[in-house]
Protein backbone atom coordinates (compact mmCIF):
# COMPACT_ATOMS: atom_id res chain seq x y z
CA MET A 1 0.04 -0.16 0.00
CA ALA A 2 0.79 3.48 -0.74
CA ASP A 3 2.84 5.40 2.11
CA LEU A 4 1.75 8.57 3.17
CA ILE A 5 3.49 11.57 5.35
CA LEU A 6 1.12 13.85 7.62
CA ARG A 7 3.22 17.17 7.68
CA ASN A 8 3.05 20.21 10.32
CA VAL A 9 0.56 18.69 12.61
CA SER A 10 -0.07 21.29 14.82
CA HIS A 11 -1.53 19.12 17.55
CA CYS A 12 -1.00 15.08 18.16
CA LEU A 13 -2.68 13.54 21.26
CA THR A 14 -0.99 10.12 20.96
CA MET A 15 -2.80 8.41 23.77
CA ASP A 16 0.31 6.52 24.71
CA ASP A 17 1.18 5.33 28.33
CA ALA A 18 2.91 8.94 29.39
CA GLU A 19 0.05 10.77 27.66
CA THR A 20 2.39 12.65 25.38
CA GLU A 21 1.30 15.59 23.46
CA LEU A 22 3.21 16.62 20.25
CA ARG A 23 3.31 19.79 18.64
CA ASP A 24 4.42 20.96 14.93
CA VAL A 25 5.45 17.25 13.61
CA ASP A 26 5.40 15.16 10.78
CA ILE A 27 3.97 11.56 10.97
CA LEU A 28 5.08 8.95 8.38
CA LEU A 29 2.72 6.04 7.60
CA ARG A 30 4.36 3.13 5.78
CA ASP A 31 2.94 -0.28 5.11
CA GLY A 32 -0.30 0.34 7.19
CA GLN A 33 1.74 1.25 10.02
CA VAL A 34 2.85 4.46 11.86
CA SER A 35 6.43 4.18 10.87
CA GLN A 36 8.13 7.52 12.44
CA ILE A 37 7.19 10.80 14.58
CA GLY A 38 9.52 13.93 14.59
CA GLN A 39 10.02 16.88 13.03
CA GLY A 40 11.32 17.68 9.41
CA LEU A 41 10.94 13.89 8.68
CA GLU A 42 12.52 13.18 5.47
CA ALA A 43 10.38 10.65 3.07
CA ASP A 44 9.35 10.13 -0.28
CA ALA A 45 5.91 9.70 0.27
CA PRO A 46 2.74 11.78 -1.04
CA ALA A 47 2.35 14.40 1.81
CA MET A 48 -1.24 15.77 3.58
CA ASP A 49 -0.36 19.46 5.28
CA CYS A 50 -2.06 19.17 8.83
CA SER A 51 -1.40 22.63 9.81
CA ASP A 52 -4.00 24.06 12.10
CA CYS A 53 -5.19 20.38 12.78
CA LEU A 54 -5.51 18.40 15.50
CA VAL A 55 -4.58 14.74 14.98
CA THR A 56 -5.93 11.68 17.12
CA PRO A 57 -5.89 8.04 16.95
CA GLY A 58 -9.22 6.96 15.25
CA LEU A 59 -11.59 6.20 17.47
CA VAL A 60 -13.04 2.89 18.62
CA ASN A 61 -17.15 1.94 18.72
CA THR A 62 -17.55 -1.30 20.90
CA HIS A 63 -21.31 -1.64 20.12
CA HIS A 64 -23.40 -0.94 17.23
CA HIS A 65 -26.44 -2.74 15.49
CA LEU A 66 -25.88 -1.51 12.17
CA PHE A 67 -28.88 -3.40 10.82
CA GLN A 68 -30.95 -0.32 12.54
CA SER A 69 -30.04 2.39 10.57
CA LEU A 70 -33.18 2.08 8.57
CA THR A 71 -35.48 2.14 11.47
CA ARG A 72 -34.53 5.45 13.05
CA ALA A 73 -37.07 7.83 14.75
CA VAL A 74 -40.06 5.18 14.41
CA PRO A 75 -42.84 6.65 16.03
CA GLY A 76 -44.08 3.78 18.03
CA ALA A 77 -40.71 3.64 19.50
CA GLN A 78 -39.70 7.35 20.21
CA ASP A 79 -40.92 7.65 23.76
CA ALA A 80 -40.52 3.74 24.70
CA ALA A 81 -38.42 2.08 27.24
CA LEU A 82 -35.95 -0.75 26.29
CA PHE A 83 -38.89 -3.48 26.28
CA GLY A 84 -41.39 -1.59 24.61
CA TRP A 85 -39.03 -0.34 22.32
CA LEU A 86 -38.12 -3.81 21.42
CA GLN A 87 -41.79 -5.07 20.94
CA THR A 88 -42.69 -2.13 18.66
CA LEU A 89 -39.35 -2.57 16.40
CA TYR A 90 -39.19 -6.60 15.93
CA PRO A 91 -42.16 -6.92 13.49
CA ILE A 92 -40.56 -4.20 11.34
CA TRP A 93 -37.39 -6.06 11.55
CA SER A 94 -38.50 -9.29 10.86
CA ARG A 95 -39.34 -8.12 6.93
CA PHE A 96 -35.53 -7.08 6.80
CA THR A 97 -33.60 -9.22 3.72
CA PRO A 98 -29.85 -8.80 3.03
CA ASP A 99 -30.41 -5.84 1.00
CA HIS A 100 -31.68 -4.05 4.17
CA MET A 101 -28.89 -5.48 6.31
CA GLU A 102 -26.15 -4.09 3.79
CA THR A 103 -27.39 -1.02 2.81
CA SER A 104 -28.11 0.03 6.74
CA ALA A 105 -24.52 -1.15 7.55
CA VAL A 106 -23.32 1.03 4.67
CA ILE A 107 -24.99 3.77 5.63
CA GLY A 108 -23.74 3.18 9.63
CA LEU A 109 -20.20 2.60 8.70
CA ALA A 110 -20.22 5.82 6.54
CA GLU A 111 -21.69 8.01 9.48
CA LEU A 112 -19.26 6.59 11.99
CA ALA A 113 -16.40 7.27 9.69
CA LEU A 114 -17.16 10.60 9.06
CA SER A 115 -17.62 10.85 13.26
CA GLY A 116 -13.53 10.13 13.24
CA CYS A 117 -14.41 6.17 13.96
CA SER A 118 -11.60 3.91 12.30
CA THR A 119 -12.87 0.58 14.00
CA SER A 120 -16.11 -0.88 14.69
CA SER A 121 -17.82 -3.53 16.22
CA ASP A 122 -21.21 -4.72 15.14
CA HIS A 123 -23.62 -6.96 16.94
CA MET A 124 -26.26 -8.62 14.56
CA TYR A 125 -28.62 -10.93 16.10
CA LEU A 126 -31.59 -11.10 13.83
CA PHE A 127 -31.33 -13.05 10.59
CA PRO A 128 -34.91 -12.75 9.07
CA ASN A 129 -35.36 -13.91 5.15
CA GLY A 130 -31.92 -15.30 4.30
CA SER A 131 -29.82 -12.56 6.03
CA ARG A 132 -26.27 -13.11 7.48
CA LEU A 133 -23.47 -11.50 9.13
CA ASP A 134 -22.02 -11.70 5.79
CA ASP A 135 -24.02 -8.71 4.43
CA SER A 136 -22.57 -6.46 7.27
CA ILE A 137 -19.13 -7.76 6.69
CA ALA A 138 -19.44 -7.06 2.85
CA ALA A 139 -20.59 -3.36 4.16
CA ALA A 140 -17.60 -2.91 5.97
CA SER A 141 -15.08 -3.95 3.19
CA GLN A 142 -17.01 -1.39 0.92
CA VAL A 143 -16.52 1.47 3.64
CA GLY A 144 -13.04 0.68 4.82
CA LEU A 145 -13.29 0.33 8.23
CA ARG A 146 -11.35 -1.95 10.77
CA PHE A 147 -14.54 -4.28 11.61
CA GLN A 148 -15.63 -6.54 14.65
CA PRO A 149 -18.53 -8.23 13.81
CA THR A 150 -20.21 -10.53 16.49
CA ARG A 151 -22.94 -13.27 15.27
CA GLY A 152 -25.52 -12.67 17.53
CA ALA A 153 -28.52 -14.54 18.19
CA MET A 154 -31.90 -15.29 19.68
CA SER A 155 -33.65 -18.40 20.68
CA ILE A 156 -36.06 -17.79 23.25
CA GLY A 157 -39.29 -16.43 21.87
CA VAL A 158 -42.17 -15.29 23.40
CA SER A 159 -44.12 -18.51 23.73
CA ASP A 160 -41.31 -20.02 25.81
CA GLY A 161 -40.92 -16.79 28.43
CA GLY A 162 -38.84 -14.81 26.21
CA LEU A 163 -39.05 -11.38 24.81
CA PRO A 164 -38.39 -11.50 20.84
CA PRO A 165 -41.39 -12.87 18.68
CA ASP A 166 -41.12 -16.64 17.84
CA ALA A 167 -40.57 -15.69 14.08
CA LEU A 168 -37.36 -14.04 15.04
CA VAL A 169 -35.63 -16.88 17.26
CA GLU A 170 -33.60 -19.67 15.87
CA ASP A 171 -32.45 -23.07 16.67
CA GLU A 172 -29.62 -23.32 19.16
CA ALA A 173 -27.75 -25.95 17.45
CA ALA A 174 -27.91 -24.02 14.23
CA ILE A 175 -26.97 -20.89 16.01
CA LEU A 176 -23.48 -23.01 16.83
CA GLU A 177 -23.11 -24.35 13.83
CA ASP A 178 -23.34 -20.93 12.06
CA CYS A 179 -20.99 -19.35 14.43
CA ILE A 180 -18.32 -21.77 13.41
CA ARG A 181 -19.02 -21.25 9.56
CA VAL A 182 -18.48 -17.31 9.85
CA ILE A 183 -15.45 -17.73 12.18
CA ASP A 184 -13.99 -20.04 9.89
CA ALA A 185 -15.00 -17.88 6.61
CA PHE A 186 -14.10 -14.44 7.69
CA HIS A 187 -12.22 -14.47 11.14
CA ASP A 188 -8.40 -13.07 10.90
CA PRO A 189 -6.27 -13.22 13.75
CA ALA A 190 -3.25 -11.72 12.09
CA PRO A 191 -1.78 -8.18 13.31
CA GLY A 192 -3.55 -5.48 11.06
CA SER A 193 -6.11 -7.66 10.71
CA MET A 194 -9.69 -5.90 9.28
CA CYS A 195 -12.02 -8.25 10.10
CA ARG A 196 -12.04 -10.40 13.44
CA VAL A 197 -15.44 -12.16 14.54
CA GLY A 198 -17.18 -12.82 17.76
CA VAL A 199 -19.71 -14.77 19.48
CA ALA A 200 -22.59 -12.83 20.79
CA PRO A 201 -25.85 -14.28 22.07
CA CYS A 202 -28.25 -11.15 22.44
CA SER A 203 -29.20 -11.17 25.99
CA PRO A 204 -29.94 -13.09 29.10
CA PHE A 205 -33.74 -12.60 28.17
CA SER A 206 -33.59 -13.94 24.66
CA VAL A 207 -31.26 -17.14 24.67
CA SER A 208 -31.24 -19.85 27.10
CA ARG A 209 -28.58 -20.34 29.94
CA GLU A 210 -27.40 -23.40 27.56
CA LEU A 211 -26.79 -21.32 24.71
CA MET A 212 -24.79 -18.85 27.09
CA ARG A 213 -22.39 -21.51 28.09
CA ASP A 214 -22.20 -23.32 24.98
CA ALA A 215 -21.10 -20.18 23.09
CA ALA A 216 -18.53 -19.42 25.94
CA ILE A 217 -17.02 -22.88 24.94
CA LEU A 218 -17.20 -22.29 21.26
CA ALA A 219 -15.67 -19.20 21.32
CA ARG A 220 -12.77 -20.14 23.60
CA ASP A 221 -12.29 -23.26 21.37
CA LYS A 222 -12.14 -20.75 18.39
CA GLY A 223 -9.78 -18.13 19.96
CA VAL A 224 -12.49 -15.21 19.32
CA MET A 225 -14.09 -12.87 21.82
CA LEU A 226 -17.66 -12.96 23.43
CA HIS A 227 -20.29 -10.04 23.64
CA THR A 228 -23.81 -9.37 24.61
CA HIS A 229 -26.05 -7.02 26.57
CA LEU A 230 -25.88 -6.77 30.25
CA ALA A 231 -27.45 -4.74 33.08
CA GLU A 232 -29.21 -2.35 30.67
CA ASN A 233 -31.93 -1.00 32.76
CA ASP A 234 -33.98 -1.85 35.77
CA GLU A 235 -36.33 -3.98 33.81
CA ASP A 236 -32.98 -6.27 32.83
CA ILE A 237 -32.30 -6.38 36.56
CA ALA A 238 -35.86 -7.46 37.63
CA TYR A 239 -35.63 -9.89 34.99
CA SER A 240 -32.54 -11.61 35.92
CA LEU A 241 -33.60 -11.83 39.90
CA GLU A 242 -37.01 -13.34 38.65
CA LYS A 243 -35.66 -15.86 36.02
CA PHE A 244 -32.25 -16.66 37.46
CA GLY A 245 -32.39 -15.99 41.27
CA CYS A 246 -29.28 -13.75 40.87
CA ARG A 247 -28.00 -10.41 39.67
CA PRO A 248 -26.69 -10.16 36.06
CA GLY A 249 -23.08 -10.10 36.98
CA GLN A 250 -23.15 -13.29 38.87
CA TYR A 251 -25.33 -14.88 35.97
CA ALA A 252 -22.40 -13.73 33.80
CA GLU A 253 -19.74 -15.43 35.89
CA ASP A 254 -21.63 -18.63 36.55
CA LEU A 255 -21.68 -18.92 32.96
CA GLY A 256 -18.31 -18.25 31.96
CA TRP A 257 -18.86 -14.76 30.79
CA THR A 258 -16.15 -12.96 32.51
CA GLY A 259 -12.50 -12.52 31.29
CA ASP A 260 -10.47 -10.44 29.01
CA ASP A 261 -11.84 -12.04 26.24
CA VAL A 262 -15.53 -10.76 27.20
CA TRP A 263 -17.29 -7.20 27.02
CA HIS A 264 -20.42 -6.50 27.71
CA ALA A 265 -22.79 -3.38 26.60
CA HIS A 266 -24.31 -1.12 28.36
CA CYS A 267 -23.63 -2.08 32.16
CA VAL A 268 -25.66 0.84 33.61
CA LYS A 269 -26.87 -0.72 36.55
CA LEU A 270 -23.66 -2.86 37.68
CA ASP A 271 -23.66 -2.64 41.44
CA GLY A 272 -20.15 -2.02 43.41
CA ALA A 273 -19.59 -6.24 43.66
CA GLU A 274 -20.21 -6.60 39.93
CA ILE A 275 -17.69 -3.64 39.15
CA ASP A 276 -15.25 -5.35 41.41
CA LEU A 277 -15.78 -8.55 39.21
CA PHE A 278 -15.27 -7.06 36.20
CA ALA A 279 -11.91 -5.06 37.26
CA ARG A 280 -10.29 -8.45 38.68
CA SER A 281 -11.53 -10.49 35.73
CA GLY A 282 -10.66 -8.31 32.85
CA THR A 283 -14.10 -7.87 31.64
CA GLY A 284 -14.77 -5.07 29.12
CA VAL A 285 -17.73 -2.75 29.22
CA ALA A 286 -19.10 -0.71 25.96
CA HIS A 287 -20.46 2.63 27.39
CA CYS A 288 -23.31 3.69 25.56
CA PRO A 289 -24.40 7.30 26.86
CA CYS A 290 -26.47 8.78 24.17
CA SER A 291 -28.88 5.29 23.91
CA ASN A 292 -29.42 5.06 27.87
CA CYS A 293 -30.07 8.73 27.74
CA ARG A 294 -32.74 7.86 24.67
CA LEU A 295 -34.33 4.86 26.45
CA ALA A 296 -33.95 6.59 29.62
CA SER A 297 -31.79 3.39 31.06
CA GLY A 298 -29.91 5.70 33.41
CA ILE A 299 -26.17 6.96 33.65
CA ALA A 300 -23.70 4.12 33.92
CA PRO A 301 -21.00 4.40 36.83
CA VAL A 302 -17.91 5.08 34.20
CA ARG A 303 -16.14 6.73 36.71
CA ALA A 304 -16.46 4.15 39.18
CA MET A 305 -15.59 1.33 36.53
CA ARG A 306 -12.76 3.29 35.56
CA ASP A 307 -11.19 4.04 39.18
CA ALA A 308 -11.52 0.11 39.96
CA GLY A 309 -9.33 -0.66 36.60
CA VAL A 310 -12.34 -1.64 34.50
CA LYS A 311 -11.79 -1.59 30.79
CA VAL A 312 -14.24 0.65 29.16
CA GLY A 313 -14.82 1.97 25.88
CA LEU A 314 -17.59 3.61 24.03
CA GLY A 315 -20.45 2.41 21.39
CA VAL A 316 -22.71 4.21 19.87
CA ASP A 317 -25.34 1.30 20.13
CA GLY A 318 -28.13 1.09 17.15
CA SER A 319 -29.25 4.04 15.30
CA ALA A 320 -32.73 2.97 16.22
CA SER A 321 -32.17 3.90 19.88
CA ASN A 322 -29.53 6.86 19.37
CA ASP A 323 -30.83 7.74 16.59
CA ALA A 324 -27.43 8.81 15.34
CA GLY A 325 -24.17 7.48 14.99
CA SER A 326 -21.22 9.55 15.93
CA LEU A 327 -18.79 8.54 18.16
CA VAL A 328 -17.37 11.91 19.28
CA ASP A 329 -20.71 12.71 20.12
CA GLU A 330 -20.65 9.81 22.29
CA ALA A 331 -17.35 10.58 23.88
CA ARG A 332 -18.70 14.24 24.64
CA GLN A 333 -21.69 12.76 26.26
CA THR A 334 -19.75 10.51 28.38
CA MET A 335 -17.72 13.39 29.81
CA LEU A 336 -20.99 15.62 30.25
CA LEU A 337 -22.98 12.94 32.00
CA GLN A 338 -20.38 11.86 34.45
CA ARG A 339 -20.04 15.40 35.69
CA VAL A 340 -23.63 15.64 36.14
CA VAL A 341 -23.19 12.63 38.65
CA SER A 342 -19.73 13.23 40.36
CA GLY A 343 -18.81 17.12 39.83
CA PRO A 344 -16.82 19.41 37.34
CA GLY A 345 -13.72 17.50 37.93
CA ALA A 346 -15.12 13.79 37.58
CA MET A 347 -13.95 13.43 33.85
CA SER A 348 -11.90 15.75 31.31
CA ALA A 349 -12.19 16.25 27.61
CA ARG A 350 -8.77 14.34 27.44
CA GLU A 351 -9.89 11.20 29.52
CA ALA A 352 -13.02 11.12 27.73
CA LEU A 353 -11.53 11.04 24.27
CA ARG A 354 -8.65 8.41 25.61
CA ILE A 355 -11.67 6.41 26.55
CA ALA A 356 -13.08 6.69 22.75
CA THR A 357 -9.74 5.78 21.75
CA ARG A 358 -7.23 3.81 23.46
CA GLY A 359 -10.13 2.58 25.94
CA GLY A 360 -12.21 0.84 23.48
CA ALA A 361 -9.36 -0.82 21.42
CA GLU A 362 -8.44 -2.30 24.91
CA VAL A 363 -11.91 -3.49 25.27
CA LEU A 364 -11.98 -5.07 21.52
CA GLY A 365 -8.70 -6.85 22.66
CA ARG A 366 -6.55 -4.92 20.27
CA GLY A 367 -4.68 -2.27 22.68
CA GLN A 368 -1.22 -3.55 21.26
CA GLU A 369 -2.25 -2.34 17.60
CA ILE A 370 -4.78 0.55 17.63
CA GLY A 371 -5.85 3.23 19.72
CA GLN A 372 -2.71 5.08 19.61
CA ILE A 373 -0.19 7.01 17.51
CA ALA A 374 3.19 5.45 18.11
CA PRO A 375 5.69 3.54 15.91
CA GLY A 376 4.55 0.01 15.20
CA PHE A 377 0.94 0.77 15.83
CA ARG A 378 -1.43 0.36 12.87
CA ALA A 379 -1.81 3.77 10.85
CA ASP A 380 -5.57 4.65 11.93
CA ILE A 381 -5.66 8.18 12.47
CA ALA A 382 -8.12 10.96 12.59
CA VAL A 383 -7.49 14.66 11.50
CA TRP A 384 -9.59 17.78 13.29
CA ASP A 385 -9.68 20.94 11.18
CA MET A 386 -9.71 23.25 14.09
CA THR A 387 -10.33 26.39 11.58
CA GLY A 388 -13.62 26.01 11.46
CA VAL A 389 -16.52 27.83 13.55
CA GLU A 390 -16.93 25.07 16.07
CA ALA A 391 -13.61 25.57 17.26
CA ALA A 392 -13.35 29.36 16.96
CA GLY A 393 -12.09 31.00 20.13
CA SER A 394 -10.72 27.35 21.70
CA TRP A 395 -7.46 28.19 23.57
CA ASP A 396 -6.75 24.24 23.66
CA MET A 397 -7.01 22.15 20.53
CA ALA A 398 -6.96 18.79 22.52
CA ALA A 399 -10.10 19.57 24.38
CA LEU A 400 -11.89 18.76 21.35
CA LEU A 401 -14.98 17.50 23.14
CA LEU A 402 -15.25 21.22 24.57
CA ALA A 403 -15.03 22.85 21.44
CA GLY A 404 -14.43 21.45 18.06
CA PRO A 405 -15.50 19.76 15.01
CA ARG A 406 -17.80 16.85 14.95
CA ARG A 407 -16.65 15.73 11.52
CA VAL A 408 -13.26 14.85 10.49
CA ARG A 409 -11.56 16.51 7.82
CA GLU A 410 -9.66 13.18 7.22
CA LEU A 411 -9.58 9.70 8.55
CA ILE A 412 -7.31 7.19 7.57
CA VAL A 413 -7.16 3.50 8.34
CA GLU A 414 -4.54 0.88 7.58
CA GLY A 415 -2.75 3.91 6.01
CA ARG A 416 -5.47 4.17 3.28
CA VAL A 417 -7.94 7.61 3.16
CA VAL A 418 -11.44 6.79 3.77
CA VAL A 419 -12.65 10.28 4.56
CA ARG A 420 -11.06 13.04 2.28
CA ASP A 421 -12.24 16.73 3.19
CA GLY A 422 -14.75 16.15 5.14
CA GLN A 423 -16.80 13.45 2.67
CA MET A 424 -16.23 9.79 2.03
CA ALA A 425 -13.27 8.77 -0.13
CA SER A 426 -13.36 5.11 -0.22
CA LEU A 427 -16.86 4.59 -1.91
CA GLU A 428 -19.89 6.91 -3.71
CA MET A 429 -22.36 7.30 -1.08
CA ALA A 430 -25.04 8.43 -3.45
CA PRO A 431 -26.25 5.30 -4.60
CA HIS A 432 -26.24 3.76 -0.96
CA LEU A 433 -28.28 7.09 0.34
CA ALA A 434 -30.89 6.55 -2.87
CA ARG A 435 -31.25 2.79 -1.86
CA GLN A 436 -31.82 3.57 1.83
CA ARG A 437 -34.45 6.05 1.16
CA HIS A 438 -36.53 3.37 -1.01
CA LEU A 439 -36.11 0.60 1.35
CA ALA A 440 -36.71 2.76 4.50
CA GLN A 441 -39.88 4.13 2.58
CA ASP A 442 -40.96 0.36 1.69
CA LEU A 443 -40.53 -0.74 5.28
CA ALA A 444 -42.82 2.19 6.80
CA GLY A 445 -45.59 1.92 3.83
CA ARG A 446 -45.22 4.95 1.90
CA GLY A 447 -43.07 3.47 -1.08
C-alpha cells in the first residue's frame, strides 16, 4: 500500500502510556503502520498538510447494531423504554432482507467514519429472510473500516417466556453451527487484521443458559471474543432476579462470561460487587451514553468503573435507539454525564477522548495495535480541522470535546484515506443513500 506523510501536525494526542502530546510534528505512515514521528522527516511519500489540525488515533466503536440504521425515529418507539421499544421494532425488523442489512451497514459505517471512527464492532442478532452476518462484513469491506462483527442470536421466543417474537428466534444448534461457519470464513487473527469475528448471544432475556454456556465454550475453542448486553436498565435487573435468582454479574460469571476475552454492552446498573468482578477478571464494558439517555435506562457508573480498573470503551449502539451514529458525540456525552453525577472534575475532555480511542481498543482486545499513535501501531488516524466555526475561540486544541468539529477532515485506516475533506473517499455514497431511502420508505409503507 502507498506511504503517506502527515506534515506540520499542529497538535497530536498520541494516547500513549505517558499521555504524550506533540506539537508541530510530521507523522510517516508506511505499510499500514505508523513508521516515524518527528520534525522535518524526510520521506519520498505523498504529503497531507495538517497545519491548524488536531490529530488523534482513530476512534473505536465497541457496540453497534448496524441493521437498525433504516429504523431511526420510528414513531411508536420514540418514547418507549427498552422492552417496549424492542416490541415495537421486532415486527419491522422481521421484514428485513440481506439488501436491508447491507445497505443499513454501509450507511451506519459511513456515519461512523465521518465522526472519526476507524474501527467498529457490530452486534447482529437477528437473521430474517436469508440475512447473514456476511451482509455487514461486505459493507465494512466497501467502506474501509476495521471491523469486529459478532454473530448474535436469539433462541427464546415469546411463547417460551422470552421477549422476541417466535418468528425471529433460531434453533440453538443451528446458531452454534453458523458461528463456526462465519468464524472459519472471515475471522483473521493476524496483526493488522481488518476483520475479527466474535460470538454474541443477544441478551440473557432472549437466549437460554445452555446457549450462553455453549457459546462461551465455542468462542474459547476458536480463540475469538464474546459479547452480549448486560444490566442495561431496571427491567433487565428485575428479569435476572426473577428468572435466574441472581444479579446479571453473577449470572455472567456462572456461565463463563467474564474474562479479558469478554465485553458487555451498557452495564448501566452494575453494582459495586459487579464492578469489582469485572475489574478482577479483565472483563470489558461498552458504554453507550446517548442510547442510555434516549431509552431512559440511566447513567452508567463509568467513573467508578474506571477508578476500579475496569476496561471501558464507547459505543453508539443501534441507530434505532440513539438515533445517530457519531462516536465523537458519544465521547462528549460520556464526559458530560459523569460530571452531572460526580461533579465538574469527574472527567476531563482528554480522558473521555482516551476512552473513545485507547479504551475501545483495549476492550476489543486490540490495545497493542490500535488506539495510539506510536511507531509500530496501525495507521488509523483522525485529522480534525480546528479552523472552523466550531473551534473558533478555543484556547486548547486537545479539548476537542469541549470546542471542536464533529466531523473529521480526514480519516485514515490501515494507511488508506477513507474520508477526505470531510467527505467519504472510499466509496460513492449517493447510490447507497438512494437505496436507503427506497428501503426505508417501503418499510414504513410509503414506497
